[in-house]
Amino acid sequence: MAAAETEGSASLLRVTTVRGRILDEEGKPLIGATVLQKGSFYGVSTDAKGEYSLRVPANQPVTLQYGYGGYTDEEVHVKGGTTANMTLVPRQKEAKVKKHRWFIF
């Protein structure tokens, strides 16, 4: 029984790497975009080429969250050892709401 527990623990420790690029709608790299492993505290930022490399558990499906200021966040399910490229698009501007100005007398 101890051998089975050891094997199970060993499989939890195995990690692999997911690599990719994050680009904008024009195909330009998004420098400093964030890639997070959903449900954990693991994440990385993209480099000057928009590339990232994130270690994730091996042989387990993982959800990656992609984000960049002013762009719509995306999520993708991946398995370790794959390439996960992403194109983010700008957030749609919300309809303008008429602002009320209040004056203090």
Protein backbone atom coordinates (compact mmCIF):
# COMPACT_ATOMS: atom_id res chain seq x y z
CA MET A 1 0.00 0.00 0.00
CA ALA A 2 2.89 2.37 0.72
CA ALA A 3 4.20 1.81 -2.81
CA ALA A 4 0.85 2.90 -4.27
CA GLU A 5 0.89 6.06 -2.16
CA THR A 6 4.45 6.80 -3.23
CA GLU A 7 3.57 6.39 -6.90
CA GLY A 8 0.56 8.68 -6.46
CA SER A 9 2.70 11.31 -4.76
CA ALA A 10 5.37 11.06 -7.44
CA SER A 11 2.82 11.67 -10.19
CA LEU A 12 1.67 14.81 -8.39
CA LEU A 13 5.22 16.15 -8.40
CA ARG A 14 5.75 15.71 -12.13
CA VAL A 15 5.60 18.95 -14.03
CA THR A 16 5.84 19.94 -17.64
CA THR A 17 5.92 23.26 -19.44
CA VAL A 18 3.30 25.06 -21.49
CA ARG A 19 4.75 27.64 -23.85
CA GLY A 20 3.14 30.15 -26.14
CA ARG A 21 2.74 33.72 -27.32
CA ILE A 22 0.11 36.31 -26.57
CA LEU A 23 -0.65 38.71 -29.39
CA ASP A 24 -3.09 41.56 -29.97
CA GLU A 25 -5.66 41.66 -32.75
CA GLU A 26 -3.04 43.02 -35.17
CA GLY A 27 -0.55 40.24 -34.43
CA LYS A 28 1.74 42.38 -32.28
CA PRO A 29 3.12 40.91 -29.03
CA LEU A 30 1.51 41.99 -25.77
CA ILE A 31 4.43 42.69 -23.46
CA GLY A 32 3.68 42.01 -19.80
CA ALA A 33 0.44 40.11 -20.41
CA THR A 34 -0.46 37.69 -17.61
CA VAL A 35 -0.89 33.92 -17.79
CA LEU A 36 -2.30 32.27 -14.67
CA GLN A 37 -3.03 28.65 -13.84
CA LYS A 38 -6.65 28.84 -12.72
CA GLY A 39 -7.23 27.76 -9.13
CA SER A 40 -3.61 28.27 -8.11
CA PHE A 41 -1.17 31.04 -7.36
CA TYR A 42 1.08 30.14 -10.30
CA GLY A 43 1.47 32.61 -13.11
CA VAL A 44 3.91 34.37 -15.41
CA SER A 45 4.12 37.48 -17.58
CA THR A 46 5.07 37.63 -21.23
CA ASP A 47 8.46 38.93 -22.37
CA ALA A 48 9.30 41.51 -25.05
CA LYS A 49 8.29 39.05 -27.79
CA GLY A 50 4.96 38.22 -26.11
CA GLU A 51 6.27 34.76 -25.20
CA TYR A 52 5.70 32.91 -21.94
CA SER A 53 6.65 29.62 -20.33
CA LEU A 54 4.65 28.18 -17.41
CA ARG A 55 5.27 24.95 -15.50
CA VAL A 56 2.09 22.96 -14.89
CA PRO A 57 1.29 19.48 -13.50
CA ALA A 58 2.06 16.74 -16.03
CA ASN A 59 -0.71 14.59 -17.53
CA GLN A 60 -3.49 16.72 -16.06
CA PRO A 61 -5.76 19.12 -17.90
CA VAL A 62 -5.19 22.68 -16.72
CA THR A 63 -7.12 25.89 -17.32
CA LEU A 64 -5.00 28.89 -18.18
CA GLN A 65 -6.30 32.43 -17.79
CA TYR A 66 -4.91 35.11 -20.10
CA GLY A 67 -5.21 38.80 -19.33
CA TYR A 68 -3.93 42.23 -20.31
CA GLY A 69 -5.17 45.68 -19.31
CA GLY A 70 -7.86 46.97 -21.67
CA TYR A 71 -8.30 43.56 -23.33
CA THR A 72 -10.91 40.85 -22.84
CA ASP A 73 -9.70 38.02 -20.58
CA GLU A 74 -9.65 34.51 -22.07
CA GLU A 75 -9.47 30.98 -20.66
CA VAL A 76 -8.12 27.87 -22.38
CA HIS A 77 -7.95 24.24 -21.26
CA VAL A 78 -4.54 22.73 -22.04
CA LYS A 79 -2.48 19.71 -21.19
CA GLY A 80 1.15 20.10 -20.18
CA GLY A 81 3.83 20.04 -22.84
CA THR A 82 1.69 21.85 -25.38
CA THR A 83 1.94 25.19 -27.10
CA ALA A 84 -0.88 27.55 -26.24
CA ASN A 85 -0.88 30.72 -28.31
CA MET A 86 -3.53 33.35 -27.67
CA THR A 87 -4.83 36.45 -29.44
CA LEU A 88 -6.55 38.93 -27.16
CA VAL A 89 -8.97 41.56 -28.42
CA PRO A 90 -9.71 44.95 -26.88
CA ARG A 91 -12.69 45.20 -24.56
CA GLN A 92 -15.79 46.68 -26.11
CA LYS A 93 -16.43 50.17 -24.88
CA GLU A 94 -19.59 50.32 -22.86
CA ALA A 95 -22.39 52.59 -23.94
CA LYS A 96 -21.90 56.04 -22.52
CA VAL A 97 -24.05 56.76 -19.54
CA LYS A 98 -25.21 60.28 -19.05
CA LYS A 99 -23.38 61.69 -16.08
CA HIS A 100 -25.14 63.85 -13.55
CA ARG A 101 -23.26 66.68 -11.98
CA TRP A 102 -24.15 67.53 -8.45
CA PHE A 103 -23.34 70.88 -7.02
CA ILE A 104 -22.89 71.72 -3.38
CA PHE A 105 -24.33 75.08 -2.36
